[in-house]
């Protein structure tokens, strides 16, 4: 989560992160956001409809969705979002869309 937040800050004019939680308890969701200083756009999906829609099989999973709404890549597990290869990928995708 820290590197995702940092990447959003670094690329705020080029990338929008929408973090989807699947907590059944809204207090748990709010506590996580507060305790981890998550200043991303977040929503809670306790019914896990987004997981069903995208075929989520593990957490965390991250989907890169382009401006046209096309899923371009799926990451399963933690990712170092400030890694230069990831940043380059996101920059290249931005110029394609």
N, C-alpha and C. Protein backbone atom coordinates (compact mmCIF):
# COMPACT_ATOMS: atom_id res chain seq x y z
N UNK A 1 0.82 -1.20 0.00
CA UNK A 1 0.00 0.00 0.00
C UNK A 1 0.86 1.27 0.00
N UNK A 2 1.96 1.31 0.77
CA UNK A 2 2.75 2.54 0.76
C UNK A 2 3.29 2.92 -0.63
N UNK A 3 3.75 1.94 -1.38
CA UNK A 3 4.28 2.29 -2.71
C UNK A 3 3.17 2.68 -3.68
N UNK A 4 1.98 2.12 -3.50
CA UNK A 4 0.83 2.50 -4.33
C UNK A 4 0.45 3.96 -4.06
N UNK A 5 0.44 4.32 -2.79
CA UNK A 5 0.14 5.70 -2.41
C UNK A 5 1.21 6.63 -2.97
N UNK A 6 2.48 6.24 -2.86
CA UNK A 6 3.56 7.08 -3.38
C UNK A 6 3.46 7.24 -4.89
N UNK A 7 3.18 6.14 -5.60
CA UNK A 7 3.04 6.21 -7.06
C UNK A 7 1.90 7.15 -7.42
N UNK A 8 0.78 7.09 -6.72
CA UNK A 8 -0.35 7.98 -7.00
C UNK A 8 0.06 9.43 -6.79
N UNK A 9 0.81 9.70 -5.74
CA UNK A 9 1.27 11.06 -5.50
C UNK A 9 2.19 11.52 -6.62
N UNK A 10 3.12 10.65 -7.02
CA UNK A 10 4.11 11.00 -8.04
C UNK A 10 3.47 11.18 -9.42
N UNK A 11 2.41 10.43 -9.69
CA UNK A 11 1.81 10.43 -11.04
C UNK A 11 0.37 10.96 -11.02
N UNK A 12 0.03 11.76 -10.05
CA UNK A 12 -1.36 12.18 -9.83
C UNK A 12 -2.00 12.81 -11.05
N UNK A 13 -1.21 13.45 -11.91
CA UNK A 13 -1.79 14.08 -13.09
C UNK A 13 -1.90 13.12 -14.27
N UNK A 14 -1.44 11.87 -14.06
CA UNK A 14 -1.44 10.90 -15.16
C UNK A 14 -2.15 9.59 -14.83
N UNK A 15 -2.29 9.29 -13.54
CA UNK A 15 -2.85 8.01 -13.10
C UNK A 15 -3.85 8.27 -11.98
N UNK A 16 -4.95 7.53 -12.00
CA UNK A 16 -5.91 7.60 -10.89
C UNK A 16 -6.02 6.21 -10.29
N UNK A 17 -5.79 6.13 -9.01
CA UNK A 17 -5.91 4.86 -8.29
C UNK A 17 -7.26 4.83 -7.59
N UNK A 18 -7.98 3.76 -7.80
CA UNK A 18 -9.23 3.51 -7.08
C UNK A 18 -9.01 2.22 -6.30
N UNK A 19 -8.96 2.33 -5.00
CA UNK A 19 -8.73 1.17 -4.14
C UNK A 19 -10.08 0.61 -3.69
N UNK A 20 -10.28 -0.68 -3.92
CA UNK A 20 -11.53 -1.33 -3.57
C UNK A 20 -11.25 -2.33 -2.44
N UNK A 21 -11.90 -2.12 -1.32
CA UNK A 21 -11.81 -3.04 -0.19
C UNK A 21 -13.00 -3.98 -0.24
N UNK A 22 -12.86 -5.14 0.38
CA UNK A 22 -13.96 -6.11 0.41
C UNK A 22 -14.30 -6.52 1.84
N UNK A 23 -14.10 -5.59 2.75
CA UNK A 23 -14.38 -5.87 4.16
C UNK A 23 -15.88 -5.95 4.40
N UNK A 24 -16.28 -6.96 5.16
CA UNK A 24 -17.68 -7.11 5.52
C UNK A 24 -18.07 -6.13 6.62
N UNK A 25 -17.09 -5.75 7.42
CA UNK A 25 -17.33 -4.83 8.54
C UNK A 25 -16.88 -3.43 8.13
N UNK A 26 -17.80 -2.48 8.02
CA UNK A 26 -17.42 -1.13 7.60
C UNK A 26 -16.44 -0.46 8.56
N UNK A 27 -16.49 -0.82 9.84
CA UNK A 27 -15.54 -0.25 10.80
C UNK A 27 -14.12 -0.73 10.52
N UNK A 28 -13.97 -1.99 10.12
CA UNK A 28 -12.66 -2.53 9.77
C UNK A 28 -12.09 -1.79 8.57
N UNK A 29 -12.93 -1.57 7.58
CA UNK A 29 -12.53 -0.82 6.38
C UNK A 29 -12.05 0.58 6.76
N UNK A 30 -12.85 1.31 7.51
CA UNK A 30 -12.49 2.68 7.90
C UNK A 30 -11.22 2.71 8.74
N UNK A 31 -11.08 1.73 9.63
CA UNK A 31 -9.88 1.66 10.48
C UNK A 31 -8.63 1.43 9.63
N UNK A 32 -8.70 0.54 8.65
CA UNK A 32 -7.55 0.28 7.78
C UNK A 32 -7.16 1.56 7.03
N UNK A 33 -8.13 2.23 6.46
CA UNK A 33 -7.86 3.46 5.70
C UNK A 33 -7.21 4.50 6.61
N UNK A 34 -7.74 4.65 7.79
CA UNK A 34 -7.22 5.63 8.76
C UNK A 34 -5.82 5.22 9.25
N UNK A 35 -5.66 3.98 9.70
CA UNK A 35 -4.40 3.54 10.29
C UNK A 35 -3.24 3.52 9.29
N UNK A 36 -3.55 3.34 8.00
CA UNK A 36 -2.50 3.27 6.98
C UNK A 36 -2.39 4.56 6.17
N UNK A 37 -3.08 5.61 6.65
CA UNK A 37 -3.03 6.92 5.98
C UNK A 37 -3.29 6.82 4.49
N UNK A 38 -4.31 6.07 4.14
CA UNK A 38 -4.67 5.87 2.74
C UNK A 38 -5.41 7.11 2.26
N UNK A 39 -4.75 7.88 1.40
CA UNK A 39 -5.39 9.09 0.87
C UNK A 39 -5.69 8.92 -0.63
N UNK A 40 -6.01 7.69 -1.00
CA UNK A 40 -6.45 7.36 -2.35
C UNK A 40 -7.98 7.39 -2.37
N UNK A 41 -8.54 7.36 -3.56
CA UNK A 41 -9.98 7.16 -3.66
C UNK A 41 -10.24 5.72 -3.25
N UNK A 42 -11.10 5.52 -2.26
CA UNK A 42 -11.40 4.17 -1.79
C UNK A 42 -12.90 3.95 -1.74
N UNK A 43 -13.27 2.71 -1.97
CA UNK A 43 -14.66 2.28 -1.80
C UNK A 43 -14.62 0.92 -1.12
N UNK A 44 -15.70 0.61 -0.46
CA UNK A 44 -15.82 -0.71 0.15
C UNK A 44 -16.90 -1.50 -0.58
N UNK A 45 -16.59 -2.72 -0.92
CA UNK A 45 -17.50 -3.60 -1.66
C UNK A 45 -17.68 -4.89 -0.86
N UNK A 46 -18.43 -4.82 0.25
CA UNK A 46 -18.57 -6.00 1.10
C UNK A 46 -19.23 -7.18 0.41
N UNK A 47 -20.03 -6.93 -0.62
CA UNK A 47 -20.66 -8.03 -1.36
C UNK A 47 -19.70 -8.67 -2.36
N UNK A 48 -18.53 -8.07 -2.51
CA UNK A 48 -17.47 -8.55 -3.40
C UNK A 48 -17.93 -8.69 -4.85
N UNK A 49 -18.81 -7.79 -5.26
CA UNK A 49 -19.27 -7.80 -6.66
C UNK A 49 -18.12 -7.51 -7.61
N UNK A 50 -17.23 -6.60 -7.21
CA UNK A 50 -16.08 -6.29 -8.07
C UNK A 50 -15.17 -7.51 -8.21
N UNK A 51 -15.02 -8.26 -7.15
CA UNK A 51 -14.20 -9.49 -7.21
C UNK A 51 -14.82 -10.49 -8.18
N UNK A 52 -16.12 -10.63 -8.12
CA UNK A 52 -16.81 -11.54 -9.04
C UNK A 52 -16.68 -11.06 -10.48
N UNK A 53 -16.84 -9.76 -10.69
CA UNK A 53 -16.77 -9.20 -12.04
C UNK A 53 -15.40 -9.40 -12.67
N UNK A 54 -14.34 -9.18 -11.89
CA UNK A 54 -12.99 -9.23 -12.44
C UNK A 54 -12.29 -10.57 -12.21
N UNK A 55 -12.93 -11.50 -11.55
CA UNK A 55 -12.33 -12.81 -11.34
C UNK A 55 -11.18 -12.80 -10.35
N UNK A 56 -11.33 -12.00 -9.32
CA UNK A 56 -10.29 -11.91 -8.30
C UNK A 56 -10.13 -13.24 -7.60
N UNK A 57 -8.88 -13.69 -7.50
CA UNK A 57 -8.62 -14.98 -6.87
C UNK A 57 -7.71 -14.86 -5.65
N UNK A 58 -7.12 -13.72 -5.45
CA UNK A 58 -6.24 -13.50 -4.31
C UNK A 58 -6.17 -12.03 -3.99
N UNK A 59 -5.69 -11.73 -2.81
CA UNK A 59 -5.61 -10.33 -2.41
C UNK A 59 -4.19 -10.03 -1.97
N UNK A 60 -3.61 -8.93 -2.33
CA UNK A 60 -4.22 -7.93 -3.19
C UNK A 60 -4.12 -8.31 -4.67
N UNK A 61 -5.06 -7.82 -5.43
CA UNK A 61 -4.99 -7.89 -6.89
C UNK A 61 -5.19 -6.48 -7.41
N UNK A 62 -4.47 -6.17 -8.45
CA UNK A 62 -4.53 -4.83 -9.03
C UNK A 62 -4.77 -4.96 -10.52
N UNK A 63 -5.68 -4.15 -11.01
CA UNK A 63 -6.01 -4.14 -12.42
C UNK A 63 -5.63 -2.78 -13.00
N UNK A 64 -4.91 -2.81 -14.10
CA UNK A 64 -4.59 -1.59 -14.83
C UNK A 64 -5.65 -1.47 -15.91
N UNK A 65 -6.45 -0.43 -15.83
CA UNK A 65 -7.55 -0.22 -16.76
C UNK A 65 -7.27 1.09 -17.51
N UNK A 66 -7.30 1.01 -18.83
CA UNK A 66 -6.98 2.21 -19.61
C UNK A 66 -8.18 3.15 -19.68
N UNK A 67 -8.00 4.26 -20.37
CA UNK A 67 -9.04 5.29 -20.46
C UNK A 67 -10.29 4.80 -21.15
N UNK A 68 -10.17 3.74 -21.94
CA UNK A 68 -11.32 3.19 -22.65
C UNK A 68 -12.04 2.13 -21.83
N UNK A 69 -11.53 1.85 -20.62
CA UNK A 69 -12.16 0.86 -19.76
C UNK A 69 -11.68 -0.56 -20.01
N UNK A 70 -10.60 -0.71 -20.76
CA UNK A 70 -10.07 -2.04 -21.09
C UNK A 70 -9.04 -2.44 -20.04
N UNK A 71 -9.20 -3.65 -19.47
CA UNK A 71 -8.22 -4.17 -18.52
C UNK A 71 -6.98 -4.52 -19.32
N UNK A 72 -5.89 -3.81 -19.03
CA UNK A 72 -4.65 -4.00 -19.77
C UNK A 72 -3.69 -4.96 -19.08
N UNK A 73 -3.80 -5.07 -17.77
CA UNK A 73 -2.87 -5.94 -17.03
C UNK A 73 -3.46 -6.21 -15.65
N UNK A 74 -3.12 -7.38 -15.14
CA UNK A 74 -3.57 -7.77 -13.81
C UNK A 74 -2.34 -8.21 -13.01
N UNK A 75 -2.21 -7.67 -11.82
CA UNK A 75 -1.14 -8.05 -10.91
C UNK A 75 -1.76 -8.79 -9.74
N UNK A 76 -1.23 -9.96 -9.42
CA UNK A 76 -1.68 -10.72 -8.26
C UNK A 76 -0.57 -10.66 -7.23
N UNK A 77 -0.92 -10.19 -6.03
CA UNK A 77 0.06 -10.06 -4.97
C UNK A 77 0.61 -8.65 -4.89
N UNK A 78 1.48 -8.43 -3.91
CA UNK A 78 2.04 -7.10 -3.72
C UNK A 78 2.94 -6.70 -4.90
N UNK A 79 2.97 -5.41 -5.18
CA UNK A 79 3.79 -4.85 -6.25
C UNK A 79 4.51 -3.64 -5.70
N UNK A 80 5.75 -3.46 -6.10
CA UNK A 80 6.49 -2.24 -5.75
C UNK A 80 6.16 -1.20 -6.83
N UNK A 81 5.15 -0.38 -6.57
CA UNK A 81 4.60 0.54 -7.57
C UNK A 81 5.52 1.66 -7.96
N UNK A 82 6.56 1.90 -7.20
CA UNK A 82 7.53 2.94 -7.56
C UNK A 82 8.71 2.38 -8.35
N UNK A 83 8.69 1.09 -8.63
CA UNK A 83 9.72 0.45 -9.44
C UNK A 83 9.75 1.14 -10.81
N UNK A 84 10.93 1.52 -11.31
CA UNK A 84 11.01 2.21 -12.59
C UNK A 84 10.35 1.46 -13.75
N UNK A 85 10.38 0.13 -13.74
CA UNK A 85 9.74 -0.64 -14.81
C UNK A 85 8.23 -0.47 -14.77
N UNK A 86 7.66 -0.44 -13.60
CA UNK A 86 6.20 -0.25 -13.46
C UNK A 86 5.83 1.17 -13.89
N UNK A 87 6.60 2.14 -13.43
CA UNK A 87 6.32 3.54 -13.79
C UNK A 87 6.42 3.71 -15.31
N UNK A 88 7.43 3.12 -15.93
CA UNK A 88 7.58 3.20 -17.39
C UNK A 88 6.40 2.55 -18.10
N UNK A 89 5.94 1.41 -17.59
CA UNK A 89 4.79 0.74 -18.17
C UNK A 89 3.56 1.66 -18.13
N UNK A 90 3.32 2.28 -16.98
CA UNK A 90 2.17 3.16 -16.84
C UNK A 90 2.29 4.38 -17.74
N UNK A 91 3.49 4.93 -17.84
CA UNK A 91 3.71 6.07 -18.73
C UNK A 91 3.45 5.68 -20.18
N UNK A 92 3.94 4.53 -20.61
CA UNK A 92 3.76 4.07 -21.98
C UNK A 92 2.28 3.83 -22.26
N UNK A 93 1.59 3.25 -21.33
CA UNK A 93 0.16 2.98 -21.50
C UNK A 93 -0.60 4.29 -21.66
N UNK A 94 -0.21 5.27 -20.92
CA UNK A 94 -0.86 6.58 -20.98
C UNK A 94 -0.75 7.18 -22.36
N UNK A 95 0.40 7.04 -23.00
CA UNK A 95 0.58 7.62 -24.32
C UNK A 95 -0.13 6.82 -25.40
N UNK A 96 -0.42 5.53 -25.14
CA UNK A 96 -1.15 4.69 -26.09
C UNK A 96 -2.63 5.03 -26.13
N UNK A 97 -3.18 5.33 -24.95
CA UNK A 97 -4.63 5.52 -24.83
C UNK A 97 -5.10 6.81 -25.45
